[in-house]
């Protein structure tokens, strides 16, 4: 009887997880274009649905019994959902950089509730994702709601799709000429590759990493410079 009960709880938890993630997926599909432009005005009209997903996050505690991919998908979705929530609460605005609470930037405000605990966006990105679930592709998963940021994917991440989705987002990002300008002998690349250089150079140089996804074969000795970051809101 006890085993049956445990199995039932596991099935219910799994069903709730997929159900809530599908709601977030529907919101992204509806309000985010394939190029990552967010219609925050229309998204605001669906605040109650977003709040429903956030309520699920507040009640759910990821644990180590989950696969790495499941944990990664959950936390990236949480980061993006709370970022969108923060933008909507302050909309209209020109940039996420305009958001300040008690002198703290958007990334340092303790407001993201997961499993009964309250986190900052910085904590989710740096202490949970980068530290415990390391993958350089995390940087195209979490979204800073800005023009130079890798595009916000219009699909929610799941245990099953996260590897393929992050890989495609990284390919799209690196080959996007508005975010990275690549040639054989010279590259002008996103400041993300400068700020988080250590993440991209664990198994080689930055050029080695770029070449894994680039449509242009870059010379190992190519001259590297970094583009100025555009913090304008990634909205219509």
C-alpha atoms as a PDB file:
ATOM      1  CA  UNK A   1       0.000   0.000   0.000  1.00  0.00           C
ATOM      2  CA  UNK A   2       2.870   2.320   0.916  1.00  0.00           C
ATOM      3  CA  UNK A   3       4.607   1.769  -2.454  1.00  0.00           C
ATOM      4  CA  UNK A   4       1.363   2.457  -4.281  1.00  0.00           C
ATOM      5  CA  UNK A   5       0.980   5.726  -2.406  1.00  0.00           C
ATOM      6  CA  UNK A   6       4.517   6.823  -3.218  1.00  0.00           C
ATOM      7  CA  UNK A   7       3.999   5.934  -6.881  1.00  0.00           C
ATOM      8  CA  UNK A   8       0.737   7.900  -6.976  1.00  0.00           C
ATOM      9  CA  UNK A   9       2.421  10.978  -5.485  1.00  0.00           C
ATOM     10  CA  UNK A  10       5.234  10.696  -8.059  1.00  0.00           C
ATOM     11  CA  UNK A  11       2.727  10.454 -10.928  1.00  0.00           C
ATOM     12  CA  UNK A  12       0.732  13.426  -9.632  1.00  0.00           C
ATOM     13  CA  UNK A  13       3.914  15.496  -9.232  1.00  0.00           C
ATOM     14  CA  UNK A  14       5.037  14.621 -12.766  1.00  0.00           C
ATOM     15  CA  UNK A  15       1.600  15.461 -14.192  1.00  0.00           C
ATOM     16  CA  UNK A  16       1.543  18.810 -12.388  1.00  0.00           C
ATOM     17  CA  UNK A  17       5.066  19.618 -13.581  1.00  0.00           C
ATOM     18  CA  UNK A  18       4.258  18.956 -17.244  1.00  0.00           C
ATOM     19  CA  UNK A  19       0.902  20.728 -16.927  1.00  0.00           C
ATOM     20  CA  UNK A  20       2.377  23.886 -15.437  1.00  0.00           C
ATOM     21  CA  UNK A  21       5.323  23.909 -17.837  1.00  0.00           C
ATOM     22  CA  UNK A  22       2.905  23.625 -20.753  1.00  0.00           C
ATOM     23  CA  UNK A  23       1.121  26.753 -19.474  1.00  0.00           C
ATOM     24  CA  UNK A  24       4.408  28.675 -19.487  1.00  0.00           C
ATOM     25  CA  UNK A  25       5.127  27.246 -22.928  1.00  0.00           C
ATOM     26  CA  UNK A  26       1.758  28.512 -24.217  1.00  0.00           C
ATOM     27  CA  UNK A  27       2.516  31.994 -22.874  1.00  0.00           C
ATOM     28  CA  UNK A  28       5.907  32.083 -24.593  1.00  0.00           C
ATOM     29  CA  UNK A  29       4.430  30.817 -27.854  1.00  0.00           C
ATOM     30  CA  UNK A  30       1.723  33.482 -27.721  1.00  0.00           C
ATOM     31  CA  UNK A  31       3.783  36.514 -26.713  1.00  0.00           C
ATOM     32  CA  UNK A  32       7.338  35.872 -27.974  1.00  0.00           C
ATOM     33  CA  UNK A  33       8.276  35.861 -31.654  1.00  0.00           C
ATOM     34  CA  UNK A  34      10.645  33.343 -33.225  1.00  0.00           C
ATOM     35  CA  UNK A  35      13.310  36.048 -33.175  1.00  0.00           C
ATOM     36  CA  UNK A  36      12.882  36.576 -29.432  1.00  0.00           C
ATOM     37  CA  UNK A  37      10.918  39.839 -29.451  1.00  0.00           C
ATOM     38  CA  UNK A  38       8.485  40.000 -26.537  1.00  0.00           C
ATOM     39  CA  UNK A  39       5.073  41.666 -26.746  1.00  0.00           C
ATOM     40  CA  UNK A  40       5.003  42.765 -23.109  1.00  0.00           C
ATOM     41  CA  UNK A  41       1.797  44.740 -23.613  1.00  0.00           C
ATOM     42  CA  UNK A  42      -0.160  41.640 -24.616  1.00  0.00           C
ATOM     43  CA  UNK A  43       1.740  39.516 -22.090  1.00  0.00           C
ATOM     44  CA  UNK A  44       0.452  41.822 -19.353  1.00  0.00           C
ATOM     45  CA  UNK A  45      -3.085  40.768 -20.270  1.00  0.00           C
ATOM     46  CA  UNK A  46      -2.124  37.184 -19.387  1.00  0.00           C
ATOM     47  CA  UNK A  47      -0.662  38.063 -15.983  1.00  0.00           C
ATOM     48  CA  UNK A  48      -3.052  35.687 -14.203  1.00  0.00           C
ATOM     49  CA  UNK A  49      -1.769  32.728 -16.226  1.00  0.00           C
ATOM     50  CA  UNK A  50       1.839  33.701 -15.527  1.00  0.00           C
ATOM     51  CA  UNK A  51       0.965  34.035 -11.844  1.00  0.00           C
ATOM     52  CA  UNK A  52      -0.463  30.511 -11.967  1.00  0.00           C
ATOM     53  CA  UNK A  53       2.872  29.192 -13.219  1.00  0.00           C
ATOM     54  CA  UNK A  54       4.747  31.233 -10.621  1.00  0.00           C
ATOM     55  CA  UNK A  55       2.483  29.786  -7.919  1.00  0.00           C
ATOM     56  CA  UNK A  56       3.664  26.337  -9.053  1.00  0.00           C
ATOM     57  CA  UNK A  57       7.302  27.482  -8.756  1.00  0.00           C
ATOM     58  CA  UNK A  58       6.663  28.798  -5.249  1.00  0.00           C
ATOM     59  CA  UNK A  59       5.376  25.404  -4.135  1.00  0.00           C
ATOM     60  CA  UNK A  60       7.920  23.205  -5.923  1.00  0.00           C
ATOM     61  CA  UNK A  61      11.282  22.205  -4.492  1.00  0.00           C
ATOM     62  CA  UNK A  62      13.684  20.677  -7.022  1.00  0.00           C
ATOM     63  CA  UNK A  63      15.780  17.917  -5.501  1.00  0.00           C
ATOM     64  CA  UNK A  64      18.788  15.845  -6.428  1.00  0.00           C
ATOM     65  CA  UNK A  65      16.619  12.874  -7.435  1.00  0.00           C
ATOM     66  CA  UNK A  66      15.733  14.879 -10.544  1.00  0.00           C
ATOM     67  CA  UNK A  67      17.966  14.437 -13.566  1.00  0.00           C
ATOM     68  CA  UNK A  68      20.439  17.220 -14.341  1.00  0.00           C
ATOM     69  CA  UNK A  69      18.386  18.155 -17.410  1.00  0.00           C
ATOM     70  CA  UNK A  70      15.176  18.351 -15.406  1.00  0.00           C
ATOM     71  CA  UNK A  71      16.800  20.573 -12.774  1.00  0.00           C
ATOM     72  CA  UNK A  72      18.385  22.771 -15.440  1.00  0.00           C
ATOM     73  CA  UNK A  73      15.093  23.167 -17.321  1.00  0.00           C
ATOM     74  CA  UNK A  74      13.208  24.002 -14.123  1.00  0.00           C
ATOM     75  CA  UNK A  75      15.648  26.669 -12.952  1.00  0.00           C
ATOM     76  CA  UNK A  76      16.054  28.344 -16.356  1.00  0.00           C
ATOM     77  CA  UNK A  77      12.266  28.482 -16.749  1.00  0.00           C
ATOM     78  CA  UNK A  78      12.025  29.941 -13.239  1.00  0.00           C
ATOM     79  CA  UNK A  79      14.648  32.580 -14.038  1.00  0.00           C
ATOM     80  CA  UNK A  80      12.868  33.610 -17.237  1.00  0.00           C
ATOM     81  CA  UNK A  81       9.383  33.580 -15.717  1.00  0.00           C
ATOM     82  CA  UNK A  82      10.467  35.801 -12.846  1.00  0.00           C
ATOM     83  CA  UNK A  83      12.341  38.145 -15.192  1.00  0.00           C
ATOM     84  CA  UNK A  84       9.191  38.532 -17.296  1.00  0.00           C
ATOM     85  CA  UNK A  85       7.128  39.052 -14.133  1.00  0.00           C
ATOM     86  CA  UNK A  86       9.505  41.809 -12.990  1.00  0.00           C
ATOM     87  CA  UNK A  87       9.347  43.541 -16.371  1.00  0.00           C
ATOM     88  CA  UNK A  88       5.530  43.391 -16.411  1.00  0.00           C
ATOM     89  CA  UNK A  89       5.328  44.858 -12.901  1.00  0.00           C
ATOM     90  CA  UNK A  90       7.404  47.826 -14.066  1.00  0.00           C
ATOM     91  CA  UNK A  91       6.063  48.120 -17.631  1.00  0.00           C
ATOM     92  CA  UNK A  92       6.258  50.338 -19.611  1.00  0.00           C
ATOM     93  CA  UNK A  93      10.009  50.896 -19.344  1.00  0.00           C
ATOM     94  CA  UNK A  94      12.944  51.304 -21.693  1.00  0.00           C
ATOM     95  CA  UNK A  95      15.373  48.905 -20.041  1.00  0.00           C
ATOM     96  CA  UNK A  96      15.621  46.346 -17.273  1.00  0.00           C
ATOM     97  CA  UNK A  97      18.475  48.534 -16.025  1.00  0.00           C
ATOM     98  CA  UNK A  98      15.843  51.120 -15.026  1.00  0.00           C
ATOM     99  CA  UNK A  99      14.459  48.768 -12.371  1.00  0.00           C
ATOM    100  CA  UNK A 100      15.733  49.525  -8.882  1.00  0.00           C
ATOM    101  CA  UNK A 101      14.401  48.532  -5.476  1.00  0.00           C
ATOM    102  CA  UNK A 102      16.093  49.921  -2.381  1.00  0.00           C
ATOM    103  CA  UNK A 103      19.138  50.691  -4.507  1.00  0.00           C
ATOM    104  CA  UNK A 104      19.338  47.113  -5.823  1.00  0.00           C
ATOM    105  CA  UNK A 105      19.344  46.220  -9.523  1.00  0.00           C
ATOM    106  CA  UNK A 106      16.857  43.770 -11.039  1.00  0.00           C
ATOM    107  CA  UNK A 107      19.308  40.891 -10.547  1.00  0.00           C
ATOM    108  CA  UNK A 108      19.903  41.584  -6.858  1.00  0.00           C
ATOM    109  CA  UNK A 109      16.300  42.011  -5.684  1.00  0.00           C
ATOM    110  CA  UNK A 110      15.201  39.048  -3.522  1.00  0.00           C
ATOM    111  CA  UNK A 111      11.792  38.299  -5.022  1.00  0.00           C
ATOM    112  CA  UNK A 112      11.948  34.963  -6.905  1.00  0.00           C
ATOM    113  CA  UNK A 113      10.232  32.369  -4.717  1.00  0.00           C
ATOM    114  CA  UNK A 114      10.929  28.702  -5.367  1.00  0.00           C
ATOM    115  CA  UNK A 115      10.008  25.880  -3.002  1.00  0.00           C
ATOM    116  CA  UNK A 116       9.307  28.236  -0.110  1.00  0.00           C
ATOM    117  CA  UNK A 117      12.669  30.042  -0.405  1.00  0.00           C
ATOM    118  CA  UNK A 118      13.324  33.475  -1.854  1.00  0.00           C
ATOM    119  CA  UNK A 119      16.121  34.010  -4.352  1.00  0.00           C
ATOM    120  CA  UNK A 120      17.629  36.783  -6.445  1.00  0.00           C
ATOM    121  CA  UNK A 121      18.017  36.270 -10.180  1.00  0.00           C
ATOM    122  CA  UNK A 122      21.773  36.436  -9.635  1.00  0.00           C
ATOM    123  CA  UNK A 123      21.611  33.568  -7.137  1.00  0.00           C
ATOM    124  CA  UNK A 124      19.649  31.375  -9.550  1.00  0.00           C
ATOM    125  CA  UNK A 125      22.084  32.078 -12.387  1.00  0.00           C
ATOM    126  CA  UNK A 126      25.421  32.046 -10.606  1.00  0.00           C
ATOM    127  CA  UNK A 127      24.973  29.859  -7.526  1.00  0.00           C
ATOM    128  CA  UNK A 128      22.524  27.255  -8.844  1.00  0.00           C
ATOM    129  CA  UNK A 129      22.878  27.070 -12.622  1.00  0.00           C
ATOM    130  CA  UNK A 130      26.522  28.021 -13.223  1.00  0.00           C
ATOM    131  CA  UNK A 131      27.858  26.458 -10.030  1.00  0.00           C
ATOM    132  CA  UNK A 132      25.803  23.292  -9.607  1.00  0.00           C
ATOM    133  CA  UNK A 133      24.418  22.593 -13.101  1.00  0.00           C
ATOM    134  CA  UNK A 134      27.297  23.916 -15.183  1.00  0.00           C
ATOM    135  CA  UNK A 135      26.847  24.214 -18.927  1.00  0.00           C
ATOM    136  CA  UNK A 136      28.084  27.207 -20.985  1.00  0.00           C
ATOM    137  CA  UNK A 137      24.805  27.036 -22.933  1.00  0.00           C
ATOM    138  CA  UNK A 138      23.037  28.277 -19.800  1.00  0.00           C
ATOM    139  CA  UNK A 139      23.995  31.750 -21.028  1.00  0.00           C
ATOM    140  CA  UNK A 140      21.602  31.464 -23.987  1.00  0.00           C
ATOM    141  CA  UNK A 141      18.909  29.948 -21.789  1.00  0.00           C
ATOM    142  CA  UNK A 142      18.541  32.590 -19.081  1.00  0.00           C
ATOM    143  CA  UNK A 143      17.331  35.850 -20.571  1.00  0.00           C
ATOM    144  CA  UNK A 144      18.192  39.410 -19.456  1.00  0.00           C
ATOM    145  CA  UNK A 145      15.305  40.997 -21.413  1.00  0.00           C
ATOM    146  CA  UNK A 146      17.673  43.168 -23.459  1.00  0.00           C
ATOM    147  CA  UNK A 147      18.572  43.770 -27.097  1.00  0.00           C
ATOM    148  CA  UNK A 148      22.066  42.278 -26.972  1.00  0.00           C
ATOM    149  CA  UNK A 149      20.993  39.321 -24.874  1.00  0.00           C
ATOM    150  CA  UNK A 150      20.651  35.989 -26.695  1.00  0.00           C
ATOM    151  CA  UNK A 151      17.047  35.800 -27.880  1.00  0.00           C
ATOM    152  CA  UNK A 152      14.396  34.558 -25.499  1.00  0.00           C
ATOM    153  CA  UNK A 153      13.266  31.192 -26.835  1.00  0.00           C
ATOM    154  CA  UNK A 154       9.527  30.938 -27.410  1.00  0.00           C
ATOM    155  CA  UNK A 155       9.384  27.467 -25.869  1.00  0.00           C
ATOM    156  CA  UNK A 156       9.543  26.430 -22.243  1.00  0.00           C
ATOM    157  CA  UNK A 157      12.414  24.090 -21.409  1.00  0.00           C
ATOM    158  CA  UNK A 158      11.703  20.509 -20.396  1.00  0.00           C
ATOM    159  CA  UNK A 159      13.805  17.566 -19.328  1.00  0.00           C
ATOM    160  CA  UNK A 160      13.405  16.134 -22.839  1.00  0.00           C
ATOM    161  CA  UNK A 161      14.030  19.201 -24.988  1.00  0.00           C
ATOM    162  CA  UNK A 162      16.558  21.276 -23.079  1.00  0.00           C
ATOM    163  CA  UNK A 163      19.751  19.973 -24.689  1.00  0.00           C
ATOM    164  CA  UNK A 164      18.437  20.396 -28.236  1.00  0.00           C
ATOM    165  CA  UNK A 165      16.852  23.783 -27.503  1.00  0.00           C
ATOM    166  CA  UNK A 166      19.966  25.225 -25.836  1.00  0.00           C
ATOM    167  CA  UNK A 167      22.147  23.948 -28.676  1.00  0.00           C
ATOM    168  CA  UNK A 168      19.902  25.618 -31.260  1.00  0.00           C
ATOM    169  CA  UNK A 169      19.771  28.848 -29.255  1.00  0.00           C
ATOM    170  CA  UNK A 170      23.576  28.899 -29.052  1.00  0.00           C
ATOM    171  CA  UNK A 171      23.853  28.357 -32.822  1.00  0.00           C
ATOM    172  CA  UNK A 172      21.316  31.113 -33.451  1.00  0.00           C
ATOM    173  CA  UNK A 173      23.107  33.470 -31.075  1.00  0.00           C
ATOM    174  CA  UNK A 174      26.632  32.952 -32.375  1.00  0.00           C
ATOM    175  CA  UNK A 175      25.551  33.274 -36.016  1.00  0.00           C
ATOM    176  CA  UNK A 176      23.301  36.293 -35.416  1.00  0.00           C
ATOM    177  CA  UNK A 177      25.112  39.191 -37.097  1.00  0.00           C
ATOM    178  CA  UNK A 178      23.369  41.729 -34.841  1.00  0.00           C
ATOM    179  CA  UNK A 179      24.964  40.085 -31.795  1.00  0.00           C
ATOM    180  CA  UNK A 180      28.234  38.641 -33.139  1.00  0.00           C
ATOM    181  CA  UNK A 181      30.222  39.619 -36.232  1.00  0.00           C
ATOM    182  CA  UNK A 182      32.382  36.732 -37.386  1.00  0.00           C
ATOM    183  CA  UNK A 183      34.999  36.375 -40.094  1.00  0.00           C
ATOM    184  CA  UNK A 184      37.984  34.102 -40.581  1.00  0.00           C
ATOM    185  CA  UNK A 185      40.590  36.553 -39.267  1.00  0.00           C
ATOM    186  CA  UNK A 186      38.599  38.898 -37.021  1.00  0.00           C
ATOM    187  CA  UNK A 187      35.623  38.531 -34.685  1.00  0.00           C
ATOM    188  CA  UNK A 188      33.573  41.132 -32.846  1.00  0.00           C
ATOM    189  CA  UNK A 189      31.622  39.184 -30.300  1.00  0.00           C
ATOM    190  CA  UNK A 190      29.128  39.657 -27.502  1.00  0.00           C
ATOM    191  CA  UNK A 191      30.424  40.915 -24.169  1.00  0.00           C
ATOM    192  CA  UNK A 192      28.928  37.736 -22.694  1.00  0.00           C
ATOM    193  CA  UNK A 193      32.031  35.916 -23.969  1.00  0.00           C
ATOM    194  CA  UNK A 194      34.135  38.418 -22.027  1.00  0.00           C
ATOM    195  CA  UNK A 195      32.104  38.570 -18.802  1.00  0.00           C
ATOM    196  CA  UNK A 196      31.872  34.768 -18.554  1.00  0.00           C
ATOM    197  CA  UNK A 197      35.095  33.856 -20.314  1.00  0.00           C
ATOM    198  CA  UNK A 198      35.886  31.170 -17.737  1.00  0.00           C
ATOM    199  CA  UNK A 199      32.699  29.297 -18.702  1.00  0.00           C
ATOM    200  CA  UNK A 200      33.565  29.228 -22.402  1.00  0.00           C
ATOM    201  CA  UNK A 201      37.252  28.341 -22.056  1.00  0.00           C
ATOM    202  CA  UNK A 202      37.174  25.253 -19.849  1.00  0.00           C
ATOM    203  CA  UNK A 203      37.963  23.039 -22.851  1.00  0.00           C
ATOM    204  CA  UNK A 204      39.848  25.419 -25.114  1.00  0.00           C
ATOM    205  CA  UNK A 205      39.832  29.034 -26.259  1.00  0.00           C
ATOM    206  CA  UNK A 206      36.851  31.290 -26.925  1.00  0.00           C
ATOM    207  CA  UNK A 207      37.473  30.788 -30.661  1.00  0.00           C
ATOM    208  CA  UNK A 208      37.365  27.014 -30.140  1.00  0.00           C
ATOM    209  CA  UNK A 209      33.979  27.416 -28.507  1.00  0.00           C
ATOM    210  CA  UNK A 210      32.667  29.696 -31.248  1.00  0.00           C
ATOM    211  CA  UNK A 211      33.797  27.245 -33.915  1.00  0.00           C
ATOM    212  CA  UNK A 212      31.612  24.511 -32.405  1.00  0.00           C
ATOM    213  CA  UNK A 213      28.536  26.471 -33.495  1.00  0.00           C
ATOM    214  CA  UNK A 214      29.717  29.017 -36.072  1.00  0.00           C
ATOM    215  CA  UNK A 215      28.812  28.826 -39.760  1.00  0.00           C
ATOM    216  CA  UNK A 216      32.105  30.638 -40.401  1.00  0.00           C
ATOM    217  CA  UNK A 217      35.352  28.809 -39.688  1.00  0.00           C
ATOM    218  CA  UNK A 218      37.379  31.168 -37.503  1.00  0.00           C
ATOM    219  CA  UNK A 219      41.172  31.102 -37.451  1.00  0.00           C
ATOM    220  CA  UNK A 220      42.552  30.169 -34.035  1.00  0.00           C
ATOM    221  CA  UNK A 221      44.638  33.352 -34.064  1.00  0.00           C
ATOM    222  CA  UNK A 222      41.773  35.607 -35.110  1.00  0.00           C
ATOM    223  CA  UNK A 223      41.688  39.082 -33.572  1.00  0.00           C
ATOM    224  CA  UNK A 224      38.981  39.323 -30.908  1.00  0.00           C
ATOM    225  CA  UNK A 225      37.089  42.387 -29.740  1.00  0.00           C
ATOM    226  CA  UNK A 226      33.864  42.743 -27.798  1.00  0.00           C
ATOM    227  CA  UNK A 227      30.748  44.631 -28.846  1.00  0.00           C
ATOM    228  CA  UNK A 228      29.072  47.255 -26.694  1.00  0.00           C
ATOM    229  CA  UNK A 229      26.052  45.761 -24.947  1.00  0.00           C
ATOM    230  CA  UNK A 230      22.594  47.081 -25.802  1.00  0.00           C
ATOM    231  CA  UNK A 231      20.417  47.071 -22.681  1.00  0.00           C
ATOM    232  CA  UNK A 232      17.276  48.335 -24.486  1.00  0.00           C
ATOM    233  CA  UNK A 233      14.236  46.207 -23.640  1.00  0.00           C
ATOM    234  CA  UNK A 234      13.707  43.211 -25.948  1.00  0.00           C
ATOM    235  CA  UNK A 235      10.114  44.244 -26.582  1.00  0.00           C
ATOM    236  CA  UNK A 236       8.025  45.557 -29.447  1.00  0.00           C
END
